[in-house]
Amino acid sequence: MTDETTARKVKLICGMISTDVSWFDMAESKLVAEFGPVDISWPVMDFDFTDYYDSQTGSPLLRKFLAFEKLIFPDRLAGVKRKTNELETELASRPDAPVPRPVNIDPGYLAPSRLILASMKDFSHRICLDGGVYAEVTLLYNRGWQVLPWTFPDYGSGRYFEFLDSARELLIKTL
């Protein structure tokens, strides 16, 4: 029998989607209050891979990524996803919210060999963590990022690899 070991800590990241950068700022403020300081705040970029979010979030869409200074244990991901859902709901309830979901916050984590994203949606390649939160290996890292058959097109496009490389380098230095 193999002895139990403690998982290595990982780097928490959040991707956000909105039509207005001011919602990124509000969300970032709440995320920092919950998860601590950000050590990478990636510049805002266009998000033009799908119209899936348009009915809830509006269009044209923008994308922003954050990476957090404080490392977490991987088993915290389900709780992080539930918390980001609460923050989305809180922001959506503001009287100045122009759409039902003014900002979409998607957490995940980086380990040296992979990117894991959290989801509330079950699918064949996702594993249930806790309370209806699922995790998927979205990208693998082996001398560069490797796309999997189920990788979201935006993640597979390479557009985010520079952010992921920067966050991964910080993680490795910290470990």
Protein backbone atom coordinates (compact mmCIF):
# COMPACT_ATOMS: atom_id res chain seq x y z
CA MET A 1 0.00 0.00 0.00
CA THR A 2 1.19 3.51 -0.80
CA ASP A 3 1.42 6.02 2.03
CA GLU A 4 -0.71 9.16 1.93
CA THR A 5 1.06 12.32 0.87
CA THR A 6 0.14 15.97 0.98
CA ALA A 7 -0.58 17.54 -2.38
CA ARG A 8 1.74 20.30 -3.54
CA LYS A 9 0.28 23.76 -3.56
CA VAL A 10 -0.85 25.28 -6.86
CA LYS A 11 -1.38 28.76 -8.28
CA LEU A 12 -4.96 30.04 -8.25
CA ILE A 13 -6.03 31.88 -11.39
CA CYS A 14 -9.29 33.46 -12.51
CA GLY A 15 -10.43 34.25 -16.01
CA MET A 16 -13.12 36.88 -16.32
CA ILE A 17 -15.46 37.77 -19.19
CA SER A 18 -17.45 41.01 -19.45
CA THR A 19 -18.35 43.78 -21.85
CA ASP A 20 -17.01 46.55 -19.59
CA VAL A 21 -13.64 46.76 -17.84
CA SER A 22 -15.23 48.46 -14.82
CA TRP A 23 -16.84 45.10 -13.95
CA PHE A 24 -13.39 43.49 -14.04
CA ASP A 25 -12.22 46.08 -11.54
CA MET A 26 -15.17 45.45 -9.21
CA ALA A 27 -14.71 41.69 -9.47
CA GLU A 28 -10.96 41.94 -8.88
CA SER A 29 -11.55 43.96 -5.73
CA LYS A 30 -13.83 41.26 -4.34
CA LEU A 31 -11.49 38.45 -5.43
CA VAL A 32 -8.53 40.12 -3.71
CA ALA A 33 -10.58 40.50 -0.52
CA GLU A 34 -11.32 36.76 -0.66
CA PHE A 35 -8.11 35.21 -2.02
CA GLY A 36 -5.38 37.76 -1.32
CA PRO A 37 -3.12 39.88 -3.51
CA VAL A 38 -2.82 39.43 -7.26
CA ASP A 39 0.70 38.98 -8.60
CA ILE A 40 -0.28 38.96 -12.28
CA SER A 41 -3.04 41.08 -13.76
CA TRP A 42 -2.99 40.37 -17.49
CA PRO A 43 -4.07 43.10 -19.94
CA VAL A 44 -7.64 43.01 -21.19
CA MET A 45 -8.11 41.34 -24.57
CA ASP A 46 -10.99 40.70 -26.95
CA PHE A 47 -12.98 37.52 -26.42
CA ASP A 48 -14.38 36.58 -29.82
CA PHE A 49 -14.43 32.78 -29.75
CA THR A 50 -18.12 32.22 -29.07
CA ASP A 51 -21.46 33.97 -28.67
CA TYR A 52 -22.42 31.54 -25.87
CA TYR A 53 -22.34 34.28 -23.20
CA ASP A 54 -24.04 37.06 -25.20
CA SER A 55 -27.58 36.54 -23.84
CA GLN A 56 -26.41 36.80 -20.21
CA THR A 57 -23.39 39.06 -20.47
CA GLY A 58 -23.90 41.13 -23.63
CA SER A 59 -21.40 41.76 -26.41
CA PRO A 60 -18.77 42.47 -27.60
CA LEU A 61 -16.95 40.54 -24.91
CA LEU A 62 -13.62 41.16 -23.25
CA ARG A 63 -11.36 38.74 -21.34
CA LYS A 64 -9.03 39.36 -18.41
CA PHE A 65 -6.89 37.01 -16.33
CA LEU A 66 -5.62 37.25 -12.76
CA ALA A 67 -3.14 35.07 -10.90
CA PHE A 68 -2.97 35.16 -7.12
CA GLU A 69 0.17 35.44 -5.04
CA LYS A 70 -0.92 33.04 -2.32
CA LEU A 71 -0.72 29.39 -3.34
CA ILE A 72 -3.57 27.04 -2.46
CA PHE A 73 -3.99 23.31 -2.06
CA PRO A 74 -5.76 21.80 -5.10
CA ASP A 75 -8.61 20.45 -2.99
CA ARG A 76 -9.77 24.02 -2.33
CA LEU A 77 -10.91 24.45 -5.95
CA ALA A 78 -14.55 23.44 -5.32
CA GLY A 79 -14.87 26.03 -2.53
CA VAL A 80 -13.20 28.65 -4.72
CA LYS A 81 -15.70 27.97 -7.53
CA ARG A 82 -18.65 28.28 -5.17
CA LYS A 83 -17.22 31.56 -3.85
CA THR A 84 -16.73 33.00 -7.34
CA ASN A 85 -20.33 32.08 -8.13
CA GLU A 86 -21.44 33.99 -5.01
CA LEU A 87 -19.38 37.00 -6.10
CA GLU A 88 -20.94 36.90 -9.58
CA THR A 89 -24.42 36.83 -8.01
CA GLU A 90 -23.53 39.71 -5.69
CA LEU A 91 -22.27 41.83 -8.59
CA ALA A 92 -25.29 40.93 -10.74
CA SER A 93 -27.63 42.15 -7.99
CA ARG A 94 -26.23 45.69 -8.13
CA PRO A 95 -28.80 48.23 -9.36
CA ASP A 96 -26.38 49.39 -12.07
CA ALA A 97 -25.96 45.90 -13.56
CA PRO A 98 -26.81 46.34 -17.26
CA VAL A 99 -27.29 42.62 -17.97
CA PRO A 100 -28.18 39.50 -15.94
CA ARG A 101 -24.50 38.49 -15.62
CA PRO A 102 -22.25 41.54 -15.95
CA VAL A 103 -19.12 39.52 -15.23
CA ASN A 104 -18.32 35.82 -15.56
CA ILE A 105 -15.60 34.61 -13.18
CA ASP A 106 -14.00 31.25 -13.93
CA PRO A 107 -11.43 29.97 -11.45
CA GLY A 108 -8.83 27.31 -11.96
CA TYR A 109 -5.31 26.50 -10.95
CA LEU A 110 -1.91 25.93 -12.44
CA ALA A 111 0.35 23.11 -11.42
CA PRO A 112 3.73 22.83 -13.15
CA SER A 113 2.34 20.15 -15.51
CA ARG A 114 -1.24 21.28 -16.13
CA LEU A 115 -4.04 23.82 -16.09
CA ILE A 116 -7.19 22.73 -14.25
CA LEU A 117 -10.45 24.68 -14.63
CA ALA A 118 -13.53 24.43 -12.42
CA SER A 119 -17.06 24.15 -13.78
CA MET A 120 -20.59 23.64 -12.53
CA LYS A 121 -21.33 21.56 -15.64
CA ASP A 122 -20.77 17.82 -15.78
CA PHE A 123 -19.35 16.27 -18.91
CA SER A 124 -17.58 13.06 -19.89
CA HIS A 125 -14.07 14.42 -19.25
CA ARG A 126 -14.85 16.20 -15.97
CA ILE A 127 -14.53 14.81 -12.47
CA CYS A 128 -16.88 15.79 -9.65
CA LEU A 129 -15.00 17.41 -6.79
CA ASP A 130 -17.70 18.34 -4.29
CA GLY A 131 -21.21 19.73 -4.24
CA GLY A 132 -21.73 19.83 -8.00
CA VAL A 133 -18.36 21.40 -8.80
CA TYR A 134 -16.37 19.63 -11.49
CA ALA A 135 -12.75 19.91 -12.59
CA GLU A 136 -11.14 19.31 -15.93
CA VAL A 137 -7.57 19.14 -17.13
CA THR A 138 -7.80 21.86 -19.78
CA LEU A 139 -4.15 21.98 -20.90
CA LEU A 140 -1.08 19.87 -20.23
CA TYR A 141 2.43 21.27 -20.01
CA ASN A 142 5.39 19.32 -21.37
CA ARG A 143 7.97 21.64 -22.97
CA GLY A 144 5.02 23.82 -23.93
CA TRP A 145 1.25 23.85 -23.62
CA GLN A 146 -0.56 20.86 -25.12
CA VAL A 147 -4.18 21.08 -26.24
CA LEU A 148 -6.57 18.23 -25.46
CA PRO A 149 -9.62 17.17 -27.51
CA TRP A 150 -11.97 18.99 -25.10
CA THR A 151 -9.86 22.12 -24.56
CA PHE A 152 -11.98 25.25 -25.04
CA PRO A 153 -11.08 26.89 -28.39
CA ASP A 154 -9.89 30.10 -26.74
CA TYR A 155 -7.50 28.22 -24.43
CA GLY A 156 -6.33 26.05 -27.32
CA SER A 157 -5.69 29.04 -29.59
CA GLY A 158 -2.45 29.94 -27.85
CA ARG A 159 -3.71 33.44 -27.06
CA TYR A 160 -3.38 32.81 -23.29
CA PHE A 161 -0.10 30.89 -23.30
CA GLU A 162 1.98 33.96 -22.41
CA PHE A 163 -0.15 34.60 -19.31
CA LEU A 164 -0.04 30.91 -18.36
CA ASP A 165 3.74 30.79 -18.87
CA SER A 166 4.19 33.84 -16.62
CA ALA A 167 1.99 32.39 -13.89
CA ARG A 168 3.67 28.99 -14.19
CA GLU A 169 7.14 30.55 -13.85
CA LEU A 170 6.05 32.39 -10.68
CA LEU A 171 4.60 29.16 -9.31
CA ILE A 172 7.82 27.23 -9.92
CA LYS A 173 9.92 29.98 -8.31
CA THR A 174 7.63 29.98 -5.28
CA LEU A 175 7.68 26.19 -4.93
